[in-house]
Protein backbone atom coordinates (compact mmCIF):
# COMPACT_ATOMS: atom_id res chain seq x y z
CA MET A 1 116.44 -140.27 13.61
CA LEU A 2 117.19 -143.23 11.36
CA SER A 3 117.98 -145.65 14.17
CA ARG A 4 114.60 -144.93 15.76
CA PHE A 5 112.94 -145.41 12.36
CA LEU A 6 114.67 -148.78 11.98
CA LEU A 7 113.83 -149.88 15.52
CA GLU A 8 110.18 -149.10 14.95
CA GLY A 9 110.12 -151.36 11.90
CA GLY A 10 110.62 -148.71 9.23
CA ILE A 11 112.66 -151.13 7.12
CA ARG A 12 111.63 -154.74 6.95
CA GLY A 13 113.93 -157.20 5.28
CA PRO A 14 116.06 -155.81 2.44
CA HIS A 15 113.17 -153.61 1.28
CA GLU A 16 112.15 -150.10 2.09
CA ARG A 17 108.55 -149.59 1.01
CA GLY A 18 108.91 -152.24 -1.67
CA ARG A 19 112.31 -151.08 -2.95
CA MET A 20 115.50 -153.04 -2.56
CA ILE A 21 118.31 -151.44 -0.58
CA THR A 22 121.14 -151.84 -3.05
CA LYS A 23 123.42 -148.85 -2.47
CA ILE A 24 124.02 -146.72 0.60
CA LEU A 25 125.37 -143.17 0.47
CA CYS A 26 126.95 -141.90 3.69
CA PRO A 27 127.98 -138.22 3.70
CA VAL A 28 130.97 -137.64 5.99
CA ASP A 29 131.93 -134.50 7.94
CA GLY A 30 133.66 -135.83 11.05
CA SER A 31 131.00 -134.66 13.49
CA PRO A 32 129.76 -136.84 16.38
CA ALA A 33 126.43 -137.27 14.56
CA CYS A 34 128.33 -138.44 11.47
CA LYS A 35 130.18 -141.05 13.50
CA LYS A 36 126.85 -142.44 14.72
CA ALA A 37 125.61 -142.52 11.11
CA LEU A 38 128.77 -144.39 10.06
CA ALA A 39 128.05 -147.03 12.71
CA MET A 40 124.51 -147.34 11.38
CA ALA A 41 125.81 -147.60 7.79
CA ARG A 42 128.16 -150.39 8.89
CA SER A 43 125.28 -152.26 10.50
CA LEU A 44 123.03 -151.85 7.46
CA ALA A 45 125.79 -152.87 5.05
CA GLY A 46 126.29 -156.07 7.01
CA ARG A 47 122.61 -156.76 7.45
CA TYR A 48 121.63 -156.26 3.81
CA ALA A 49 124.91 -157.27 2.11
CA VAL A 50 125.36 -153.92 0.36
CA ARG A 51 128.28 -151.55 0.11
CA VAL A 52 128.57 -147.96 1.28
CA THR A 53 129.86 -144.96 -0.65
CA LEU A 54 131.45 -142.32 1.57
CA LEU A 55 131.12 -138.73 0.36
CA HIS A 56 132.85 -135.72 1.88
CA VAL A 57 131.75 -132.37 0.46
CA LEU A 58 134.16 -129.47 0.91
CA PRO A 59 131.98 -126.35 0.91
CA LEU A 60 133.02 -124.26 -2.07
CA SER A 61 132.03 -121.10 -0.21
CA MET A 62 134.98 -121.60 2.14
CA LEU A 63 137.38 -121.58 -0.80
CA GLN A 64 135.61 -118.62 -2.41
CA MET A 65 136.16 -116.60 0.78
CA LEU A 66 139.85 -117.37 0.49
CA ALA A 67 140.09 -116.31 -3.15
CA PHE A 68 142.10 -113.34 -2.03
CA ARG A 69 145.41 -113.21 -0.22
CA GLY A 70 144.90 -112.15 3.33
CA PRO A 71 146.09 -112.71 6.87
CA VAL A 72 144.89 -115.90 8.52
CA GLY A 73 146.14 -116.45 12.05
CA GLY A 74 148.76 -113.74 11.68
CA ALA A 75 150.36 -115.15 8.52
CA ASP A 76 149.62 -114.84 4.83
CA VAL A 77 148.09 -118.00 3.46
CA LEU A 78 147.56 -118.51 -0.23
CA PRO A 79 144.28 -120.11 -1.35
CA GLN A 80 146.23 -123.01 -2.90
CA GLN A 81 147.80 -123.79 0.46
CA VAL A 82 144.41 -123.72 2.16
CA GLU A 83 142.91 -125.92 -0.55
CA GLU A 84 145.80 -128.40 -0.15
CA ARG A 85 145.28 -128.46 3.63
CA MET A 86 141.55 -129.06 3.12
CA ARG A 87 142.35 -131.92 0.72
CA VAL A 88 144.72 -133.54 3.24
CA ASP A 89 142.15 -133.14 6.03
CA SER A 90 139.47 -134.60 3.75
CA GLU A 91 141.61 -137.65 2.98
CA ALA A 92 142.16 -138.21 6.72
CA LEU A 93 138.44 -137.84 7.40
CA LEU A 94 137.56 -140.36 4.69
CA ALA A 95 140.23 -142.79 5.95
CA GLU A 96 138.73 -142.64 9.46
CA ALA A 97 135.23 -143.11 8.03
CA ARG A 98 136.41 -146.11 5.98
CA GLU A 99 137.80 -147.64 9.17
CA LEU A 100 134.56 -147.02 11.11
CA VAL A 101 132.39 -148.54 8.37
CA GLY A 102 134.84 -151.37 7.67
CA SER A 103 136.92 -151.44 4.50
CA ASP A 104 135.06 -154.49 3.19
CA ASN A 105 131.80 -152.53 3.38
CA VAL A 106 133.05 -149.49 1.46
CA ALA A 107 132.52 -149.32 -2.30
CA GLU A 108 134.15 -145.90 -2.71
CA ALA A 109 135.30 -142.89 -0.69
CA ARG A 110 135.52 -139.53 -2.41
CA ALA A 111 135.72 -135.81 -1.76
CA VAL A 112 134.11 -133.14 -3.91
CA LEU A 113 133.84 -129.35 -3.84
CA GLY A 114 130.47 -127.62 -3.71
CA ASP A 115 127.32 -127.07 -1.71
CA PRO A 116 126.90 -130.05 0.64
CA ALA A 117 123.09 -130.28 0.53
CA GLU A 118 122.98 -129.89 -3.23
CA LEU A 119 125.74 -132.40 -3.94
CA ILE A 120 124.45 -135.02 -1.53
CA CYS A 121 121.00 -134.90 -3.14
CA GLU A 122 122.41 -134.79 -6.66
CA THR A 123 124.75 -137.73 -6.01
CA ALA A 124 121.95 -139.79 -4.47
CA GLU A 125 119.66 -139.14 -7.43
CA VAL A 126 122.13 -139.43 -10.32
CA GLU A 127 123.83 -142.54 -8.95
CA GLU A 128 120.53 -144.07 -7.79
CA PHE A 129 121.38 -144.67 -4.16
CA SER A 130 118.52 -146.42 -2.40
CA LEU A 131 119.40 -145.07 1.05
CA ILE A 132 121.23 -142.07 2.52
CA VAL A 133 122.55 -142.54 6.05
CA MET A 134 123.69 -139.30 7.66
CA GLY A 135 123.72 -137.51 10.97
CA SER A 136 121.02 -135.04 11.87
CA ARG A 137 123.56 -132.30 12.50
CA GLY A 138 127.01 -131.83 11.10
CA ARG A 139 129.76 -129.32 11.19
CA CYS A 140 129.17 -125.77 10.18
CA ALA A 141 131.40 -122.72 9.75
CA ALA A 142 130.82 -121.79 13.40
CA THR A 143 131.98 -125.13 14.85
């Protein structure tokens, strides 16, 4: 766990193995582990005077499963309605995350569609984040 890594001296000063911590990526899913990661991101942002980017990935597979019209909870729900509901929920999740991290510490909060693992890694690499702070377990389709 990251907090244990930090407590054992894994990061000294603003460097991690000789690299500056300049940008923090914090994937958000609303899970209890995510909330702990958000608290850690807030602490790190304050300690190292960096800003946090919040990223919520809506799994595309969930929308693909709803690409047909079918009964959900006894009523017909169109995929567009489900997508709109997911967007609204995502905005609420990011607003809560922004509050937990502290608005002054947040550089950006965004939601994207796709595979969470793939998009988190791709975002971190392409945008050159120096640190990813995330929970060890998040939400899954079963929870």
